[in-house]
Amino acid sequence: MTLKLSAEDGSAPEWVKSSYSGDDGPACVEVAATPGTVHIRDSKNKPGPRLAVAPTTWAVFVSYAATN
């Protein structure tokens, strides 16, 4: 998954849904990259809990997930 950085002006982050989630799939993940942080949420529960990780942590996770 490739991420573009969201605006740095304090506006809302640009969330991107995983291409593996499909349009109405049951496992929908969205991510948004801001300087220094990658945010992760469930697209079916947008106001719900979110994870925030460092870009390097996200890169390691994506590399691991791609091989398993």
N, C-alpha and C. Protein backbone atom coordinates (compact mmCIF):
# COMPACT_ATOMS: atom_id res chain seq x y z
N MET A 1 0.85 -1.17 0.00
CA MET A 1 0.00 0.00 0.00
C MET A 1 0.89 1.23 0.00
N THR A 2 0.62 2.15 -0.86
CA THR A 2 1.38 3.38 -0.95
C THR A 2 0.57 4.50 -0.32
N LEU A 3 1.23 5.30 0.51
CA LEU A 3 0.55 6.39 1.20
C LEU A 3 1.10 7.72 0.76
N LYS A 4 0.21 8.69 0.57
CA LYS A 4 0.61 10.08 0.37
C LYS A 4 0.42 10.78 1.70
N LEU A 5 1.30 11.71 1.98
CA LEU A 5 1.13 12.50 3.20
C LEU A 5 -0.09 13.38 3.09
N SER A 6 -0.85 13.45 4.16
CA SER A 6 -1.99 14.36 4.23
C SER A 6 -1.48 15.78 4.39
N ALA A 7 -2.36 16.72 4.22
CA ALA A 7 -2.00 18.14 4.34
C ALA A 7 -1.36 18.42 5.68
N GLU A 8 -0.36 19.27 5.69
CA GLU A 8 0.34 19.63 6.91
C GLU A 8 -0.26 20.87 7.57
N ASP A 9 -1.35 21.38 7.03
CA ASP A 9 -1.92 22.63 7.53
C ASP A 9 -2.91 22.43 8.68
N GLY A 10 -2.96 21.23 9.24
CA GLY A 10 -3.87 20.97 10.35
C GLY A 10 -5.26 20.52 9.92
N SER A 11 -5.50 20.43 8.61
CA SER A 11 -6.80 19.95 8.15
C SER A 11 -6.90 18.44 8.41
N ALA A 12 -8.07 17.90 8.20
CA ALA A 12 -8.31 16.48 8.45
C ALA A 12 -7.41 15.62 7.57
N PRO A 13 -6.92 14.51 8.11
CA PRO A 13 -6.07 13.63 7.30
C PRO A 13 -6.86 13.00 6.16
N GLU A 14 -6.17 12.65 5.10
CA GLU A 14 -6.79 11.99 3.95
C GLU A 14 -6.72 10.48 4.17
N TRP A 15 -7.87 9.88 4.44
CA TRP A 15 -7.94 8.45 4.70
C TRP A 15 -8.03 7.68 3.39
N VAL A 16 -7.30 6.57 3.31
CA VAL A 16 -7.27 5.72 2.12
C VAL A 16 -7.66 4.31 2.54
N LYS A 17 -8.66 3.74 1.86
CA LYS A 17 -9.11 2.38 2.18
C LYS A 17 -8.22 1.36 1.47
N SER A 18 -7.90 0.29 2.15
CA SER A 18 -7.08 -0.77 1.58
C SER A 18 -7.73 -1.33 0.32
N SER A 19 -6.93 -1.55 -0.69
CA SER A 19 -7.45 -2.12 -1.94
C SER A 19 -7.89 -3.57 -1.73
N TYR A 20 -7.44 -4.22 -0.67
CA TYR A 20 -7.84 -5.58 -0.36
C TYR A 20 -9.20 -5.64 0.33
N SER A 21 -9.72 -4.52 0.76
CA SER A 21 -10.99 -4.50 1.47
C SER A 21 -12.19 -4.58 0.55
N GLY A 22 -12.05 -4.20 -0.70
CA GLY A 22 -13.19 -4.20 -1.61
C GLY A 22 -14.13 -3.06 -1.25
N ASP A 23 -15.23 -2.96 -1.96
CA ASP A 23 -16.18 -1.87 -1.72
C ASP A 23 -17.00 -2.08 -0.46
N ASP A 24 -17.47 -3.28 -0.24
CA ASP A 24 -18.32 -3.56 0.91
C ASP A 24 -17.81 -4.75 1.70
N GLY A 25 -16.52 -5.00 1.64
CA GLY A 25 -15.95 -6.16 2.32
C GLY A 25 -16.07 -6.07 3.83
N PRO A 26 -16.03 -7.22 4.51
CA PRO A 26 -16.19 -7.23 5.95
C PRO A 26 -14.95 -6.75 6.71
N ALA A 27 -13.79 -6.77 6.09
CA ALA A 27 -12.56 -6.38 6.78
C ALA A 27 -12.00 -5.13 6.11
N CYS A 28 -12.51 -3.98 6.49
CA CYS A 28 -12.11 -2.73 5.84
C CYS A 28 -11.18 -1.93 6.74
N VAL A 29 -9.99 -1.68 6.24
CA VAL A 29 -8.98 -0.91 6.97
C VAL A 29 -8.68 0.35 6.18
N GLU A 30 -8.58 1.47 6.88
CA GLU A 30 -8.19 2.73 6.25
C GLU A 30 -6.96 3.26 6.97
N VAL A 31 -6.10 3.92 6.21
CA VAL A 31 -4.91 4.54 6.79
C VAL A 31 -4.79 5.97 6.30
N ALA A 32 -4.14 6.79 7.10
CA ALA A 32 -3.85 8.18 6.73
C ALA A 32 -2.46 8.50 7.24
N ALA A 33 -1.64 9.05 6.37
CA ALA A 33 -0.27 9.40 6.74
C ALA A 33 -0.17 10.89 6.98
N THR A 34 0.41 11.25 8.11
CA THR A 34 0.73 12.64 8.42
C THR A 34 2.23 12.67 8.71
N PRO A 35 2.85 13.82 8.73
CA PRO A 35 4.28 13.84 9.00
C PRO A 35 4.60 13.16 10.35
N GLY A 36 5.35 12.09 10.29
CA GLY A 36 5.78 11.40 11.49
C GLY A 36 4.84 10.35 12.04
N THR A 37 3.63 10.19 11.45
CA THR A 37 2.66 9.23 11.99
C THR A 37 1.82 8.63 10.87
N VAL A 38 1.52 7.33 11.02
CA VAL A 38 0.54 6.67 10.15
C VAL A 38 -0.63 6.29 11.06
N HIS A 39 -1.83 6.73 10.69
CA HIS A 39 -3.05 6.47 11.46
C HIS A 39 -3.80 5.33 10.79
N ILE A 40 -4.38 4.44 11.60
CA ILE A 40 -5.09 3.27 11.10
C ILE A 40 -6.44 3.20 11.80
N ARG A 41 -7.50 2.92 11.02
CA ARG A 41 -8.84 2.78 11.61
C ARG A 41 -9.66 1.77 10.82
N ASP A 42 -10.76 1.35 11.43
CA ASP A 42 -11.74 0.47 10.80
C ASP A 42 -12.70 1.36 10.03
N SER A 43 -12.82 1.17 8.72
CA SER A 43 -13.67 2.04 7.91
C SER A 43 -15.15 1.88 8.24
N LYS A 44 -15.52 0.80 8.90
CA LYS A 44 -16.91 0.60 9.29
C LYS A 44 -17.25 1.30 10.61
N ASN A 45 -16.21 1.78 11.30
CA ASN A 45 -16.40 2.46 12.58
C ASN A 45 -15.47 3.68 12.62
N LYS A 46 -15.73 4.62 11.72
CA LYS A 46 -14.82 5.76 11.55
C LYS A 46 -14.59 6.58 12.81
N PRO A 47 -15.59 6.81 13.66
CA PRO A 47 -15.31 7.58 14.88
C PRO A 47 -14.71 6.72 16.00
N GLY A 48 -14.59 5.42 15.77
CA GLY A 48 -14.11 4.50 16.80
C GLY A 48 -12.61 4.61 17.05
N PRO A 49 -12.06 3.62 17.72
CA PRO A 49 -10.65 3.65 18.08
C PRO A 49 -9.74 3.67 16.85
N ARG A 50 -8.58 4.26 17.03
CA ARG A 50 -7.58 4.35 15.96
C ARG A 50 -6.22 3.99 16.52
N LEU A 51 -5.38 3.49 15.65
CA LEU A 51 -3.99 3.25 16.00
C LEU A 51 -3.15 4.33 15.35
N ALA A 52 -2.04 4.66 15.98
CA ALA A 52 -1.08 5.60 15.40
C ALA A 52 0.30 5.00 15.58
N VAL A 53 1.03 4.85 14.48
CA VAL A 53 2.36 4.26 14.53
C VAL A 53 3.34 5.11 13.73
N ALA A 54 4.60 4.93 14.00
CA ALA A 54 5.65 5.62 13.24
C ALA A 54 5.69 5.07 11.82
N PRO A 55 6.07 5.88 10.84
CA PRO A 55 6.15 5.39 9.46
C PRO A 55 7.06 4.17 9.32
N THR A 56 8.14 4.12 10.07
CA THR A 56 9.04 2.95 9.98
C THR A 56 8.35 1.69 10.50
N THR A 57 7.55 1.82 11.55
CA THR A 57 6.80 0.69 12.07
C THR A 57 5.78 0.21 11.05
N TRP A 58 5.09 1.14 10.40
CA TRP A 58 4.12 0.79 9.36
C TRP A 58 4.81 0.07 8.20
N ALA A 59 5.97 0.55 7.79
CA ALA A 59 6.71 -0.07 6.68
C ALA A 59 7.10 -1.51 7.02
N VAL A 60 7.54 -1.74 8.24
CA VAL A 60 7.90 -3.10 8.67
C VAL A 60 6.66 -3.99 8.66
N PHE A 61 5.54 -3.48 9.18
CA PHE A 61 4.30 -4.26 9.20
C PHE A 61 3.85 -4.62 7.79
N VAL A 62 3.83 -3.66 6.88
CA VAL A 62 3.38 -3.91 5.51
C VAL A 62 4.29 -4.92 4.82
N SER A 63 5.60 -4.80 5.03
CA SER A 63 6.54 -5.78 4.46
C SER A 63 6.27 -7.18 5.00
N TYR A 64 6.04 -7.26 6.30
CA TYR A 64 5.75 -8.57 6.92
C TYR A 64 4.44 -9.13 6.38
N ALA A 65 3.39 -8.31 6.33
CA ALA A 65 2.08 -8.77 5.87
C ALA A 65 2.12 -9.23 4.41
N ALA A 66 2.95 -8.59 3.61
CA ALA A 66 3.03 -8.93 2.19
C ALA A 66 3.67 -10.30 1.97
N THR A 67 4.46 -10.76 2.93
CA THR A 67 5.14 -12.05 2.77
C THR A 67 4.41 -13.19 3.46
N ASN A 68 3.35 -12.90 4.18
CA ASN A 68 2.62 -13.95 4.92
C ASN A 68 1.19 -14.05 4.49
